[in-house]
Amino acid sequence: MPDSLPLSQAPHPALAGALAEALTRALPDVHPDRATILGEGWGASAFRIPATDGDVGGDWVLRVPREGVPWAAGDLDREVKTLPLLERRPFEVAVPHEARLLRSAGGTILGAIHRLVPGSRTGTYSLRGSARREHLAGIGRFLATLHTTPAP
């Protein structure tokens, strides 16, 4: 399974209109038409936005609240407020940087962006023995650190 699919294969409308306008206001040099879908969650769809030439920070992730999910925009708002706090915590894994909300001209949350965290899906391989224990211990340390981070 590929890490991302062309946007034309996405099961929802292409990035256009107010969302594309908000994205290009936040990141003037990006091209929304080059976005690829990373995946769908309960509350949001995630897209990979390629970095432009000269952008040394790497690619971006755009998360868009799913239609009909009333709590999705609020979740993105909380996430954008929480990520800067997590950046200062002693995690053994990368945390998304440069998170910010994209809003319509009227202030409605249209999505959130942050830098892409490189990696791979854990469901695509199997771990055994000490490698499995080490991986699970790392997840436990991550969750312990996450749950001791004060809320914004």
C-alpha atoms as a PDB file:
ATOM      1  CA  MET A   1       0.000   0.000   0.000  1.00  0.00           C
ATOM      2  CA  PRO A   2       1.472   3.432  -0.916  1.00  0.00           C
ATOM      3  CA  ASP A   3       2.093   6.044   1.783  1.00  0.00           C
ATOM      4  CA  SER A   4      -0.129   8.491  -0.076  1.00  0.00           C
ATOM      5  CA  LEU A   5      -2.575   8.434  -2.968  1.00  0.00           C
ATOM      6  CA  PRO A   6      -3.053  11.045  -5.692  1.00  0.00           C
ATOM      7  CA  LEU A   7      -5.689  13.557  -4.668  1.00  0.00           C
ATOM      8  CA  SER A   8      -7.841  12.508  -7.633  1.00  0.00           C
ATOM      9  CA  GLN A   9      -8.293   9.145  -5.860  1.00  0.00           C
ATOM     10  CA  ALA A  10      -9.483  10.824  -2.663  1.00  0.00           C
ATOM     11  CA  PRO A  11     -13.068   9.963  -1.667  1.00  0.00           C
ATOM     12  CA  HIS A  12     -14.008  13.626  -1.139  1.00  0.00           C
ATOM     13  CA  PRO A  13     -13.786  16.961  -2.999  1.00  0.00           C
ATOM     14  CA  ALA A  14     -10.429  18.353  -4.101  1.00  0.00           C
ATOM     15  CA  LEU A  15      -8.830  21.175  -2.183  1.00  0.00           C
ATOM     16  CA  ALA A  16     -10.442  24.247  -3.652  1.00  0.00           C
ATOM     17  CA  GLY A  17     -12.282  27.421  -2.812  1.00  0.00           C
ATOM     18  CA  ALA A  18     -11.885  28.932   0.643  1.00  0.00           C
ATOM     19  CA  LEU A  19      -9.608  26.112   1.839  1.00  0.00           C
ATOM     20  CA  ALA A  20      -7.183  26.534  -1.069  1.00  0.00           C
ATOM     21  CA  GLU A  21      -7.229  30.306  -0.536  1.00  0.00           C
ATOM     22  CA  ALA A  22      -6.484  29.932   3.198  1.00  0.00           C
ATOM     23  CA  LEU A  23      -3.695  27.463   2.439  1.00  0.00           C
ATOM     24  CA  THR A  24      -2.012  29.766  -0.077  1.00  0.00           C
ATOM     25  CA  ARG A  25      -2.359  32.698   2.354  1.00  0.00           C
ATOM     26  CA  ALA A  26      -0.551  30.653   5.025  1.00  0.00           C
ATOM     27  CA  LEU A  27       1.976  29.125   2.603  1.00  0.00           C
ATOM     28  CA  PRO A  28       2.142  31.425  -0.444  1.00  0.00           C
ATOM     29  CA  ASP A  29       4.496  29.224  -2.466  1.00  0.00           C
ATOM     30  CA  VAL A  30       2.675  25.886  -2.134  1.00  0.00           C
ATOM     31  CA  HIS A  31       0.517  24.323  -4.796  1.00  0.00           C
ATOM     32  CA  PRO A  32      -2.702  22.787  -3.394  1.00  0.00           C
ATOM     33  CA  ASP A  33      -3.155  20.926  -6.683  1.00  0.00           C
ATOM     34  CA  ARG A  34      -0.022  18.867  -5.872  1.00  0.00           C
ATOM     35  CA  ALA A  35      -1.498  17.547  -2.620  1.00  0.00           C
ATOM     36  CA  THR A  36      -1.787  13.814  -2.030  1.00  0.00           C
ATOM     37  CA  ILE A  37      -4.020  12.174   0.524  1.00  0.00           C
ATOM     38  CA  LEU A  38      -2.288  10.549   3.494  1.00  0.00           C
ATOM     39  CA  GLY A  39      -5.389   9.101   5.094  1.00  0.00           C
ATOM     40  CA  GLU A  40      -8.753   9.553   6.737  1.00  0.00           C
ATOM     41  CA  GLY A  41      -9.490   9.587  10.443  1.00  0.00           C
ATOM     42  CA  TRP A  42     -12.700   9.795  12.416  1.00  0.00           C
ATOM     43  CA  GLY A  43     -12.651  13.575  12.348  1.00  0.00           C
ATOM     44  CA  ALA A  44     -10.243  14.697   9.638  1.00  0.00           C
ATOM     45  CA  SER A  45      -8.701  13.919   6.284  1.00  0.00           C
ATOM     46  CA  ALA A  46      -4.925  14.380   6.020  1.00  0.00           C
ATOM     47  CA  PHE A  47      -3.055  15.579   2.945  1.00  0.00           C
ATOM     48  CA  ARG A  48       0.644  15.854   2.181  1.00  0.00           C
ATOM     49  CA  ILE A  49       1.580  19.200   0.663  1.00  0.00           C
ATOM     50  CA  PRO A  50       5.007  19.117  -1.026  1.00  0.00           C
ATOM     51  CA  ALA A  51       7.538  21.708   0.101  1.00  0.00           C
ATOM     52  CA  THR A  52       8.562  24.239  -2.488  1.00  0.00           C
ATOM     53  CA  ASP A  53      12.079  24.700  -3.787  1.00  0.00           C
ATOM     54  CA  GLY A  54      14.174  26.436  -1.162  1.00  0.00           C
ATOM     55  CA  ASP A  55      11.896  25.399   1.725  1.00  0.00           C
ATOM     56  CA  VAL A  56      14.345  23.553   3.966  1.00  0.00           C
ATOM     57  CA  GLY A  57      11.716  22.679   6.588  1.00  0.00           C
ATOM     58  CA  GLY A  58      10.257  19.832   4.538  1.00  0.00           C
ATOM     59  CA  ASP A  59       6.770  18.941   3.379  1.00  0.00           C
ATOM     60  CA  TRP A  60       3.571  19.980   5.128  1.00  0.00           C
ATOM     61  CA  VAL A  61       0.533  18.083   6.374  1.00  0.00           C
ATOM     62  CA  LEU A  62      -2.908  19.627   5.943  1.00  0.00           C
ATOM     63  CA  ARG A  63      -5.681  18.199   8.112  1.00  0.00           C
ATOM     64  CA  VAL A  64      -9.225  19.048   7.085  1.00  0.00           C
ATOM     65  CA  PRO A  65     -12.271  18.455   9.330  1.00  0.00           C
ATOM     66  CA  ARG A  66     -14.634  15.905   7.844  1.00  0.00           C
ATOM     67  CA  GLU A  67     -18.117  17.060   6.920  1.00  0.00           C
ATOM     68  CA  GLY A  68     -20.789  16.071   9.403  1.00  0.00           C
ATOM     69  CA  VAL A  69     -18.353  15.704  12.310  1.00  0.00           C
ATOM     70  CA  PRO A  70     -19.265  18.601  14.627  1.00  0.00           C
ATOM     71  CA  TRP A  71     -16.289  18.167  16.995  1.00  0.00           C
ATOM     72  CA  ALA A  72     -13.578  17.889  14.310  1.00  0.00           C
ATOM     73  CA  ALA A  73     -12.720  21.600  14.033  1.00  0.00           C
ATOM     74  CA  GLY A  74     -12.495  21.905  17.826  1.00  0.00           C
ATOM     75  CA  ASP A  75     -10.099  18.956  17.890  1.00  0.00           C
ATOM     76  CA  LEU A  76      -7.843  20.675  15.347  1.00  0.00           C
ATOM     77  CA  ASP A  77      -7.941  23.862  17.429  1.00  0.00           C
ATOM     78  CA  ARG A  78      -6.872  21.951  20.583  1.00  0.00           C
ATOM     79  CA  GLU A  79      -4.168  20.109  18.646  1.00  0.00           C
ATOM     80  CA  VAL A  80      -2.639  23.331  17.315  1.00  0.00           C
ATOM     81  CA  LYS A  81      -2.577  24.750  20.859  1.00  0.00           C
ATOM     82  CA  THR A  82      -1.078  21.547  22.298  1.00  0.00           C
ATOM     83  CA  LEU A  83       1.684  20.824  19.763  1.00  0.00           C
ATOM     84  CA  PRO A  84       3.946  23.709  20.877  1.00  0.00           C
ATOM     85  CA  LEU A  85       3.767  22.337  24.441  1.00  0.00           C
ATOM     86  CA  LEU A  86       4.724  18.872  23.213  1.00  0.00           C
ATOM     87  CA  GLU A  87       7.702  20.273  21.279  1.00  0.00           C
ATOM     88  CA  ARG A  88       9.292  21.155  24.638  1.00  0.00           C
ATOM     89  CA  ARG A  89       8.737  17.695  26.192  1.00  0.00           C
ATOM     90  CA  PRO A  90      11.374  14.932  26.249  1.00  0.00           C
ATOM     91  CA  PHE A  91       9.864  12.671  23.597  1.00  0.00           C
ATOM     92  CA  GLU A  92      11.909   9.969  21.901  1.00  0.00           C
ATOM     93  CA  VAL A  93       9.973  10.612  18.688  1.00  0.00           C
ATOM     94  CA  ALA A  94       9.514  13.624  16.438  1.00  0.00           C
ATOM     95  CA  VAL A  95       6.627  15.996  17.106  1.00  0.00           C
ATOM     96  CA  PRO A  96       5.017  18.100  14.345  1.00  0.00           C
ATOM     97  CA  HIS A  97       6.366  21.665  14.201  1.00  0.00           C
ATOM     98  CA  GLU A  98       4.992  24.986  12.943  1.00  0.00           C
ATOM     99  CA  ALA A  99       1.351  24.033  13.563  1.00  0.00           C
ATOM    100  CA  ARG A 100      -1.296  26.617  12.802  1.00  0.00           C
ATOM    101  CA  LEU A 101      -4.953  26.844  11.892  1.00  0.00           C
ATOM    102  CA  LEU A 102      -6.358  27.824   8.518  1.00  0.00           C
ATOM    103  CA  ARG A 103      -9.469  29.957   8.802  1.00  0.00           C
ATOM    104  CA  SER A 104     -12.008  31.393   6.410  1.00  0.00           C
ATOM    105  CA  ALA A 105     -12.397  35.146   6.056  1.00  0.00           C
ATOM    106  CA  GLY A 106     -15.214  34.831   8.623  1.00  0.00           C
ATOM    107  CA  GLY A 107     -13.020  32.974  11.127  1.00  0.00           C
ATOM    108  CA  THR A 108     -14.323  29.425  10.607  1.00  0.00           C
ATOM    109  CA  ILE A 109     -11.673  26.735  11.039  1.00  0.00           C
ATOM    110  CA  LEU A 110     -11.083  25.167   7.625  1.00  0.00           C
ATOM    111  CA  GLY A 111      -8.088  23.037   8.559  1.00  0.00           C
ATOM    112  CA  ALA A 112      -4.722  22.880  10.271  1.00  0.00           C
ATOM    113  CA  ILE A 113      -1.195  22.574   8.904  1.00  0.00           C
ATOM    114  CA  HIS A 114       2.081  21.410  10.377  1.00  0.00           C
ATOM    115  CA  ARG A 115       5.382  20.034   9.139  1.00  0.00           C
ATOM    116  CA  LEU A 116       5.387  16.406   8.072  1.00  0.00           C
ATOM    117  CA  VAL A 117       6.914  13.992  10.562  1.00  0.00           C
ATOM    118  CA  PRO A 118       8.784  11.356   8.556  1.00  0.00           C
ATOM    119  CA  GLY A 119       8.129   7.731   9.346  1.00  0.00           C
ATOM    120  CA  SER A 120       6.177   4.670   8.333  1.00  0.00           C
ATOM    121  CA  ARG A 121       2.994   2.950   9.415  1.00  0.00           C
ATOM    122  CA  THR A 122       3.566   0.422  12.181  1.00  0.00           C
ATOM    123  CA  GLY A 123       0.865  -1.876  10.842  1.00  0.00           C
ATOM    124  CA  THR A 124       2.911  -2.708   7.759  1.00  0.00           C
ATOM    125  CA  TYR A 125       5.429  -4.941   9.536  1.00  0.00           C
ATOM    126  CA  SER A 126       5.590  -7.417  12.383  1.00  0.00           C
ATOM    127  CA  LEU A 127       7.957  -7.306  15.356  1.00  0.00           C
ATOM    128  CA  ARG A 128       8.928 -10.278  17.490  1.00  0.00           C
ATOM    129  CA  GLY A 129      10.838 -10.891  20.711  1.00  0.00           C
ATOM    130  CA  SER A 130      13.033  -8.132  22.135  1.00  0.00           C
ATOM    131  CA  ALA A 131      12.349  -5.816  19.172  1.00  0.00           C
ATOM    132  CA  ARG A 132       8.629  -5.994  19.969  1.00  0.00           C
ATOM    133  CA  ARG A 133       9.200  -5.370  23.689  1.00  0.00           C
ATOM    134  CA  GLU A 134      11.475  -2.408  22.933  1.00  0.00           C
ATOM    135  CA  HIS A 135       8.940  -0.941  20.492  1.00  0.00           C
ATOM    136  CA  LEU A 136       6.077  -1.325  22.978  1.00  0.00           C
ATOM    137  CA  ALA A 137       8.184   0.142  25.805  1.00  0.00           C
ATOM    138  CA  GLY A 138       8.849   3.175  23.583  1.00  0.00           C
ATOM    139  CA  ILE A 139       5.119   3.586  23.002  1.00  0.00           C
ATOM    140  CA  GLY A 140       4.577   3.369  26.766  1.00  0.00           C
ATOM    141  CA  ARG A 141       7.196   6.072  27.432  1.00  0.00           C
ATOM    142  CA  PHE A 142       5.600   8.257  24.762  1.00  0.00           C
ATOM    143  CA  LEU A 143       2.133   7.872  26.286  1.00  0.00           C
ATOM    144  CA  ALA A 144       3.444   8.533  29.807  1.00  0.00           C
ATOM    145  CA  THR A 145       5.108  11.758  28.643  1.00  0.00           C
ATOM    146  CA  LEU A 146       2.052  12.775  26.628  1.00  0.00           C
ATOM    147  CA  HIS A 147      -0.325  12.276  29.549  1.00  0.00           C
ATOM    148  CA  THR A 148       1.851  14.261  31.954  1.00  0.00           C
ATOM    149  CA  THR A 149       1.879  17.284  29.631  1.00  0.00           C
ATOM    150  CA  PRO A 150      -0.316  20.065  31.046  1.00  0.00           C
ATOM    151  CA  ALA A 151      -3.273  21.034  28.853  1.00  0.00           C
ATOM    152  CA  PRO A 152      -3.062  24.467  27.186  1.00  0.00           C
END
